[in-house]
Amino acid sequence: MSDIAFEDRAFAASAAGTPPRPVHAHYVGAAVALAAAATLELALPLGIDGPPGAPSALLVAALTLGAAIATLVWARRRIVARLRAMDPSRPETALVTDGPYARSRNPVQLALAAGIVGASALFSLDWGVFAAIGYLVWLRRAVIPAEEARMQARFGAAWDEYRARVNRWV
């Protein structure tokens, strides 16, 4: 089943007054992308990265993982402050437009992509950047359209104004 169909069913259930099932597509997709990078590294190493633990790789890993974790924590705090709960099984009750959401409509997804790059640098996975790009393309084509349609239906003009003011990525 495609994520779009799953998201559409979740929105239809919430519109009918039934809470949708939890959707964790962003996190599952990031895990799959990282697993794909590791699998490709074992099956078809590119040989462009140094050995695990190289100082430059550790620096890249520390910077990208640090930024990813900080963004995830910041985004979660903004959602919790605004909604009092971060439960993907319940429909949105407010449009969060401050914190990292003032700079990107998808800060969690960007943070997860940075996490893929950081973990790949930490473990010397040459395929990590490709996995992160593939993850972002998958999000853009399979997940975000349904999310944005749901937000449009739920928040109307407020969503239109936010979408016009804030870029999807950065």
C-alpha atoms as a PDB file:
ATOM      1  CA  MET A   1       0.000   0.000   0.000  1.00  0.00           C
ATOM      2  CA  SER A   2       1.373   3.424  -0.843  1.00  0.00           C
ATOM      3  CA  ASP A   3       1.953   5.997   1.850  1.00  0.00           C
ATOM      4  CA  ILE A   4      -0.346   8.397   0.008  1.00  0.00           C
ATOM      5  CA  ALA A   5      -3.259   5.965   0.235  1.00  0.00           C
ATOM      6  CA  PHE A   6      -2.459   5.343   3.902  1.00  0.00           C
ATOM      7  CA  GLU A   7      -2.338   9.079   4.613  1.00  0.00           C
ATOM      8  CA  ASP A   8      -5.602   9.636   2.689  1.00  0.00           C
ATOM      9  CA  ARG A   9      -7.332   6.927   4.720  1.00  0.00           C
ATOM     10  CA  ALA A  10      -5.939   8.465   7.912  1.00  0.00           C
ATOM     11  CA  PHE A  11      -7.315  11.885   6.921  1.00  0.00           C
ATOM     12  CA  ALA A  12     -10.697  10.422   5.968  1.00  0.00           C
ATOM     13  CA  ALA A  13     -10.879   8.650   9.323  1.00  0.00           C
ATOM     14  CA  SER A  14     -10.044  11.849  11.213  1.00  0.00           C
ATOM     15  CA  ALA A  15     -12.589  13.827   9.161  1.00  0.00           C
ATOM     16  CA  ALA A  16     -15.223  11.237  10.074  1.00  0.00           C
ATOM     17  CA  GLY A  17     -14.411  11.664  13.770  1.00  0.00           C
ATOM     18  CA  THR A  18     -12.371   8.480  14.052  1.00  0.00           C
ATOM     19  CA  PRO A  19      -8.731   8.990  15.024  1.00  0.00           C
ATOM     20  CA  PRO A  20      -6.425   7.720  12.274  1.00  0.00           C
ATOM     21  CA  ARG A  21      -3.823   5.060  12.951  1.00  0.00           C
ATOM     22  CA  PRO A  22      -0.334   6.311  13.849  1.00  0.00           C
ATOM     23  CA  VAL A  23       1.773   7.282  10.861  1.00  0.00           C
ATOM     24  CA  HIS A  24       5.507   7.117  11.334  1.00  0.00           C
ATOM     25  CA  ALA A  25       6.476   7.088   7.667  1.00  0.00           C
ATOM     26  CA  HIS A  26       9.218   9.702   8.146  1.00  0.00           C
ATOM     27  CA  TYR A  27      11.069   7.670  10.744  1.00  0.00           C
ATOM     28  CA  VAL A  28      10.573   4.323   9.029  1.00  0.00           C
ATOM     29  CA  GLY A  29      11.715   5.832   5.734  1.00  0.00           C
ATOM     30  CA  ALA A  30      14.872   7.229   7.326  1.00  0.00           C
ATOM     31  CA  ALA A  31      15.657   3.844   8.894  1.00  0.00           C
ATOM     32  CA  VAL A  32      15.107   2.097   5.558  1.00  0.00           C
ATOM     33  CA  ALA A  33      17.362   4.619   3.784  1.00  0.00           C
ATOM     34  CA  LEU A  34      20.153   4.092   6.316  1.00  0.00           C
ATOM     35  CA  ALA A  35      19.756   0.313   6.090  1.00  0.00           C
ATOM     36  CA  ALA A  36      19.929   0.590   2.287  1.00  0.00           C
ATOM     37  CA  ALA A  37      23.159   2.598   2.559  1.00  0.00           C
ATOM     38  CA  ALA A  38      24.678  -0.059   4.823  1.00  0.00           C
ATOM     39  CA  THR A  39      23.536  -2.890   2.549  1.00  0.00           C
ATOM     40  CA  LEU A  40      24.904  -1.175  -0.550  1.00  0.00           C
ATOM     41  CA  GLU A  41      28.177  -0.507   1.271  1.00  0.00           C
ATOM     42  CA  LEU A  42      28.551  -4.235   1.932  1.00  0.00           C
ATOM     43  CA  ALA A  43      27.455  -5.326  -1.546  1.00  0.00           C
ATOM     44  CA  LEU A  44      28.969  -2.593  -3.678  1.00  0.00           C
ATOM     45  CA  PRO A  45      31.481  -0.414  -1.818  1.00  0.00           C
ATOM     46  CA  LEU A  46      32.388   2.773  -3.631  1.00  0.00           C
ATOM     47  CA  GLY A  47      35.724   3.156  -1.863  1.00  0.00           C
ATOM     48  CA  ILE A  48      35.516   6.943  -1.621  1.00  0.00           C
ATOM     49  CA  ASP A  49      35.377   7.237   2.147  1.00  0.00           C
ATOM     50  CA  GLY A  50      38.211   6.737   4.575  1.00  0.00           C
ATOM     51  CA  PRO A  51      38.334   4.183   7.347  1.00  0.00           C
ATOM     52  CA  PRO A  52      35.768   4.348  10.154  1.00  0.00           C
ATOM     53  CA  GLY A  53      36.870   6.783  12.828  1.00  0.00           C
ATOM     54  CA  ALA A  54      38.816   9.126  10.536  1.00  0.00           C
ATOM     55  CA  PRO A  55      38.933  12.610  12.113  1.00  0.00           C
ATOM     56  CA  SER A  56      37.183  14.293   9.165  1.00  0.00           C
ATOM     57  CA  ALA A  57      34.412  11.680   9.192  1.00  0.00           C
ATOM     58  CA  LEU A  58      33.965  12.086  12.943  1.00  0.00           C
ATOM     59  CA  LEU A  59      33.717  15.865  12.540  1.00  0.00           C
ATOM     60  CA  VAL A  60      31.068  15.543   9.808  1.00  0.00           C
ATOM     61  CA  ALA A  61      29.214  12.961  11.902  1.00  0.00           C
ATOM     62  CA  ALA A  62      29.298  15.129  15.035  1.00  0.00           C
ATOM     63  CA  LEU A  63      28.116  18.257  13.207  1.00  0.00           C
ATOM     64  CA  THR A  64      25.322  16.637  11.214  1.00  0.00           C
ATOM     65  CA  LEU A  65      24.085  14.344  13.987  1.00  0.00           C
ATOM     66  CA  GLY A  66      24.235  17.239  16.467  1.00  0.00           C
ATOM     67  CA  ALA A  67      22.246  19.492  14.132  1.00  0.00           C
ATOM     68  CA  ALA A  68      19.748  16.699  13.410  1.00  0.00           C
ATOM     69  CA  ILE A  69      19.149  15.911  17.083  1.00  0.00           C
ATOM     70  CA  ALA A  70      18.892  19.584  18.022  1.00  0.00           C
ATOM     71  CA  THR A  71      16.354  20.210  15.245  1.00  0.00           C
ATOM     72  CA  LEU A  72      14.285  17.155  16.193  1.00  0.00           C
ATOM     73  CA  VAL A  73      14.187  18.236  19.852  1.00  0.00           C
ATOM     74  CA  TRP A  74      13.373  21.842  18.904  1.00  0.00           C
ATOM     75  CA  ALA A  75      10.567  20.772  16.541  1.00  0.00           C
ATOM     76  CA  ARG A  76       9.089  18.402  19.117  1.00  0.00           C
ATOM     77  CA  ARG A  77       9.152  21.091  21.816  1.00  0.00           C
ATOM     78  CA  ARG A  78       7.347  23.542  19.536  1.00  0.00           C
ATOM     79  CA  ILE A  79       4.675  20.976  18.721  1.00  0.00           C
ATOM     80  CA  VAL A  80       4.227  19.941  22.348  1.00  0.00           C
ATOM     81  CA  ALA A  81       4.055  23.581  23.460  1.00  0.00           C
ATOM     82  CA  ARG A  82       1.405  24.305  20.875  1.00  0.00           C
ATOM     83  CA  LEU A  83      -0.582  21.089  20.887  1.00  0.00           C
ATOM     84  CA  ARG A  84       0.190  19.716  24.352  1.00  0.00           C
ATOM     85  CA  ALA A  85       0.811  16.317  22.787  1.00  0.00           C
ATOM     86  CA  MET A  86       2.664  14.845  19.838  1.00  0.00           C
ATOM     87  CA  ASP A  87       0.464  11.931  18.878  1.00  0.00           C
ATOM     88  CA  PRO A  88       0.390  11.112  15.156  1.00  0.00           C
ATOM     89  CA  SER A  89      -2.761   9.047  15.668  1.00  0.00           C
ATOM     90  CA  ARG A  90      -4.785  12.185  16.435  1.00  0.00           C
ATOM     91  CA  PRO A  91      -5.666  14.933  13.972  1.00  0.00           C
ATOM     92  CA  GLU A  92      -3.819  18.231  14.166  1.00  0.00           C
ATOM     93  CA  THR A  93      -5.502  20.832  16.362  1.00  0.00           C
ATOM     94  CA  ALA A  94      -3.241  23.790  15.616  1.00  0.00           C
ATOM     95  CA  LEU A  95      -0.893  24.913  12.872  1.00  0.00           C
ATOM     96  CA  VAL A  96       2.623  25.220  14.303  1.00  0.00           C
ATOM     97  CA  THR A  97       4.458  28.033  12.494  1.00  0.00           C
ATOM     98  CA  ASP A  98       7.174  29.073  14.929  1.00  0.00           C
ATOM     99  CA  GLY A  99      10.553  27.644  15.912  1.00  0.00           C
ATOM    100  CA  PRO A 100      12.014  25.506  13.131  1.00  0.00           C
ATOM    101  CA  TYR A 101       8.629  25.592  11.382  1.00  0.00           C
ATOM    102  CA  ALA A 102       9.196  29.312  10.706  1.00  0.00           C
ATOM    103  CA  ARG A 103      12.129  28.357   8.460  1.00  0.00           C
ATOM    104  CA  SER A 104      10.940  25.095   6.900  1.00  0.00           C
ATOM    105  CA  ARG A 105       7.593  23.356   6.544  1.00  0.00           C
ATOM    106  CA  ASN A 106       9.410  20.036   6.995  1.00  0.00           C
ATOM    107  CA  PRO A 107      12.137  20.467   9.640  1.00  0.00           C
ATOM    108  CA  VAL A 108      11.725  16.946  11.030  1.00  0.00           C
ATOM    109  CA  GLN A 109      12.247  15.403   7.606  1.00  0.00           C
ATOM    110  CA  LEU A 110      15.315  17.586   6.995  1.00  0.00           C
ATOM    111  CA  ALA A 111      16.701  16.602  10.392  1.00  0.00           C
ATOM    112  CA  LEU A 112      16.200  12.924   9.599  1.00  0.00           C
ATOM    113  CA  ALA A 113      18.000  13.358   6.255  1.00  0.00           C
ATOM    114  CA  ALA A 114      20.875  15.061   8.095  1.00  0.00           C
ATOM    115  CA  GLY A 115      20.849  12.160  10.538  1.00  0.00           C
ATOM    116  CA  ILE A 116      21.260   9.722   7.636  1.00  0.00           C
ATOM    117  CA  VAL A 117      24.280  11.696   6.415  1.00  0.00           C
ATOM    118  CA  GLY A 118      25.742  11.938   9.929  1.00  0.00           C
ATOM    119  CA  ALA A 119      25.306   8.244  10.708  1.00  0.00           C
ATOM    120  CA  SER A 120      26.759   7.394   7.306  1.00  0.00           C
ATOM    121  CA  ALA A 121      29.809   9.534   8.036  1.00  0.00           C
ATOM    122  CA  LEU A 122      30.191   7.928  11.456  1.00  0.00           C
ATOM    123  CA  PHE A 123      30.113   4.411   9.990  1.00  0.00           C
ATOM    124  CA  SER A 124      31.905   5.265   6.713  1.00  0.00           C
ATOM    125  CA  LEU A 125      28.955   4.421   4.488  1.00  0.00           C
ATOM    126  CA  ASP A 126      29.792   5.849   1.072  1.00  0.00           C
ATOM    127  CA  TRP A 127      26.175   5.409  -0.012  1.00  0.00           C
ATOM    128  CA  GLY A 128      24.824   7.621   2.795  1.00  0.00           C
ATOM    129  CA  VAL A 129      24.492  10.833   0.801  1.00  0.00           C
ATOM    130  CA  PHE A 130      22.687   8.949  -1.969  1.00  0.00           C
ATOM    131  CA  ALA A 131      20.423   7.351   0.642  1.00  0.00           C
ATOM    132  CA  ALA A 132      19.605  10.774   2.117  1.00  0.00           C
ATOM    133  CA  ILE A 133      18.792  12.157  -1.336  1.00  0.00           C
ATOM    134  CA  GLY A 134      16.633   9.130  -2.099  1.00  0.00           C
ATOM    135  CA  TYR A 135      14.858   9.600   1.238  1.00  0.00           C
ATOM    136  CA  LEU A 136      14.061  13.246   0.424  1.00  0.00           C
ATOM    137  CA  VAL A 137      12.811  12.328  -3.058  1.00  0.00           C
ATOM    138  CA  TRP A 138      10.589   9.605  -1.561  1.00  0.00           C
ATOM    139  CA  LEU A 139       9.209  12.073   0.983  1.00  0.00           C
ATOM    140  CA  ARG A 140       8.528  14.658  -1.705  1.00  0.00           C
ATOM    141  CA  ARG A 141       6.691  12.217  -3.949  1.00  0.00           C
ATOM    142  CA  ALA A 142       4.980   9.807  -1.537  1.00  0.00           C
ATOM    143  CA  VAL A 143       4.479  11.464   1.846  1.00  0.00           C
ATOM    144  CA  ILE A 144       4.439  15.257   1.666  1.00  0.00           C
ATOM    145  CA  PRO A 145       1.646  15.660  -0.942  1.00  0.00           C
ATOM    146  CA  ALA A 146      -0.819  13.805   1.298  1.00  0.00           C
ATOM    147  CA  GLU A 147       0.352  15.693   4.387  1.00  0.00           C
ATOM    148  CA  GLU A 148      -0.015  19.043   2.667  1.00  0.00           C
ATOM    149  CA  ALA A 149      -3.458  18.132   1.329  1.00  0.00           C
ATOM    150  CA  ARG A 150      -4.498  17.179   4.858  1.00  0.00           C
ATOM    151  CA  MET A 151      -3.149  20.458   6.253  1.00  0.00           C
ATOM    152  CA  GLN A 152      -4.915  22.441   3.509  1.00  0.00           C
ATOM    153  CA  ALA A 153      -8.227  20.744   4.256  1.00  0.00           C
ATOM    154  CA  ARG A 154      -7.801  21.192   8.002  1.00  0.00           C
ATOM    155  CA  PHE A 155      -6.498  24.793   8.184  1.00  0.00           C
ATOM    156  CA  GLY A 156      -7.573  26.401   4.891  1.00  0.00           C
ATOM    157  CA  ALA A 157      -6.483  30.039   4.556  1.00  0.00           C
ATOM    158  CA  ALA A 158      -4.048  29.813   7.486  1.00  0.00           C
ATOM    159  CA  TRP A 159      -2.260  26.969   5.698  1.00  0.00           C
ATOM    160  CA  ASP A 160      -2.234  28.931   2.411  1.00  0.00           C
ATOM    161  CA  GLU A 161      -0.620  31.925   4.125  1.00  0.00           C
ATOM    162  CA  TYR A 162       1.946  29.728   5.891  1.00  0.00           C
ATOM    163  CA  ARG A 163       2.753  27.816   2.689  1.00  0.00           C
ATOM    164  CA  ALA A 164       3.255  31.090   0.799  1.00  0.00           C
ATOM    165  CA  ARG A 165       5.551  32.453   3.526  1.00  0.00           C
ATOM    166  CA  VAL A 166       7.668  29.378   4.383  1.00  0.00           C
ATOM    167  CA  ASN A 167       9.524  27.163   1.911  1.00  0.00           C
ATOM    168  CA  ARG A 168       8.990  23.429   1.952  1.00  0.00           C
ATOM    169  CA  TRP A 169      12.639  22.640   2.702  1.00  0.00           C
ATOM    170  CA  VAL A 170      14.709  25.766   3.505  1.00  0.00           C
END
